[in-house]
Protein backbone atom coordinates (compact mmCIF):
# COMPACT_ATOMS: atom_id res chain seq x y z
CA MET A 1 -2.80 -162.52 -98.28
CA HIS A 2 -2.56 -161.48 -101.92
CA MET A 3 -1.47 -163.99 -104.60
CA LYS A 4 -0.07 -162.99 -107.97
CA ILE A 5 -1.11 -165.47 -110.66
CA GLY A 6 1.30 -166.49 -113.43
CA THR A 7 5.07 -166.15 -113.55
CA VAL A 8 6.56 -163.17 -111.76
CA GLN A 9 10.17 -162.04 -112.21
CA LEU A 10 11.67 -161.06 -108.88
CA HIS A 11 14.85 -159.39 -107.70
CA VAL A 12 16.53 -160.92 -104.66
CA LYS A 13 18.15 -158.64 -102.09
CA TYR A 14 21.01 -161.03 -101.36
CA THR A 15 24.58 -159.78 -101.67
CA ASP A 16 26.91 -161.61 -104.05
CA GLU A 17 28.53 -163.28 -101.03
CA GLN A 18 25.14 -164.50 -99.78
CA LEU A 19 24.27 -165.80 -103.26
CA ALA A 20 27.60 -167.62 -103.45
CA SER A 21 26.89 -169.24 -100.09
CA LEU A 22 23.45 -170.40 -101.26
CA ILE A 23 24.92 -171.80 -104.49
CA ASP A 24 27.62 -173.68 -102.56
CA HIS A 25 25.05 -175.03 -100.11
CA ARG A 26 22.82 -176.35 -102.92
CA ILE A 27 25.72 -177.95 -104.81
CA ASP A 28 27.19 -179.47 -101.64
CA SER A 29 23.81 -180.95 -100.66
CA ALA A 30 23.81 -183.21 -103.73
CA PRO A 31 24.82 -186.83 -103.11
CA ALA A 32 28.53 -187.51 -103.75
CA GLY A 33 29.25 -187.76 -107.45
CA GLU A 34 25.87 -186.31 -108.44
CA GLY A 35 25.51 -183.00 -110.19
CA THR A 36 23.28 -180.07 -109.44
CA GLY A 37 21.45 -178.45 -112.34
CA PHE A 38 21.44 -174.72 -112.96
CA LYS A 39 17.64 -174.72 -112.74
CA GLU A 40 17.85 -176.51 -109.38
CA ILE A 41 20.23 -173.83 -108.11
CA VAL A 42 17.91 -171.02 -109.22
CA THR A 43 14.86 -172.75 -107.73
CA PHE A 44 16.72 -173.18 -104.44
CA ILE A 45 17.63 -169.47 -104.41
CA LEU A 46 14.00 -168.51 -105.08
CA GLU A 47 12.70 -170.79 -102.33
CA GLN A 48 15.27 -169.48 -99.84
CA ALA A 49 14.56 -165.86 -100.79
CA ASN A 50 10.86 -166.48 -100.30
CA ALA A 51 11.47 -168.02 -96.85
CA ASP A 52 13.92 -165.23 -95.89
CA LYS A 53 11.66 -162.47 -97.29
CA MET A 54 14.47 -161.28 -99.57
CA PHE A 55 12.30 -160.07 -102.47
CA ASP A 56 11.49 -156.46 -103.31
CA THR A 57 7.75 -156.99 -102.87
CA VAL A 58 4.83 -155.93 -100.75
CA ASP A 59 4.53 -157.94 -97.51
CA GLY A 60 1.86 -160.62 -97.61
CA THR A 61 2.18 -161.22 -101.35
CA SER A 62 2.67 -164.77 -102.55
CA PHE A 63 3.37 -165.97 -106.07
CA GLN A 64 2.10 -168.81 -108.20
CA TRP A 65 5.41 -169.11 -110.11
CA MET A 66 8.62 -167.17 -109.61
CA GLU A 67 11.75 -166.60 -111.64
CA LEU A 68 14.79 -164.41 -111.10
CA VAL A 69 15.16 -161.17 -113.01
CA ARG A 70 17.86 -161.28 -115.69
CA PRO A 71 20.44 -159.25 -113.69
CA ASP A 72 20.21 -161.77 -110.82
CA ILE A 73 20.61 -164.68 -113.25
CA ARG A 74 23.75 -162.96 -114.52
CA ARG A 75 25.03 -162.66 -110.93
CA VAL A 76 24.48 -166.41 -110.44
CA ASN A 77 26.29 -167.05 -113.75
CA ALA A 78 29.23 -164.90 -112.64
CA ILE A 79 29.51 -166.69 -109.28
CA ILE A 80 29.48 -170.10 -110.97
CA ALA A 81 32.05 -168.88 -113.52
CA ILE A 82 34.41 -167.88 -110.69
CA GLU A 83 34.04 -171.31 -109.08
CA LEU A 84 34.70 -172.99 -112.43
CA ARG A 85 37.75 -170.83 -113.12
CA GLU A 86 39.19 -171.46 -109.65
CA GLY A 87 38.69 -175.23 -109.98
CA ARG A 88 36.13 -175.57 -107.18
CA LEU A 89 33.44 -176.65 -109.63
CA MET A 90 33.25 -178.41 -112.97
CA VAL A 91 30.61 -179.02 -115.60
CA ASP A 92 29.27 -182.57 -115.80
CA PHE A 93 29.07 -183.28 -119.53
CA ASP A 94 27.40 -186.68 -119.01
CA THR A 95 24.02 -185.75 -120.49
CA ASP A 96 22.71 -189.33 -120.39
CA HIS A 97 22.94 -189.49 -116.60
CA TYR A 98 20.31 -186.83 -115.90
CA ALA A 99 16.58 -186.92 -116.63
CA THR A 100 16.22 -183.27 -117.66
CA ARG A 101 17.97 -181.05 -120.15
CA ASP A 102 20.02 -178.67 -118.06
CA VAL A 103 23.62 -177.79 -117.30
CA TYR A 104 24.87 -179.76 -114.30
CA PHE A 105 27.74 -178.85 -112.01
CA ILE A 106 29.72 -181.18 -109.74
CA ARG A 107 32.61 -180.86 -107.32
CA PRO A 108 35.96 -182.06 -108.73
């Protein structure tokens, strides 16, 4: 097995529909009334993509730290924007409730 050291930007091979399903799953897995941070969503997508082998990489390669490439971040942003616009999601503006600085989303 080959390990890449440092942070590696990776493209996920999920379709937009698959990404939307992963985002919904992560948000819906939060306890009732609790938000899910954007960083948590992205981390969940990376972990799932790693488990599902959905990266454009050489087989047998593992990574010390991963992040999504900018175009995939924009796809996640667009999916969340659709959910916000259609009223299936809202931003939790209660910044005192959460321990980290992030944007949190909750179900209405």
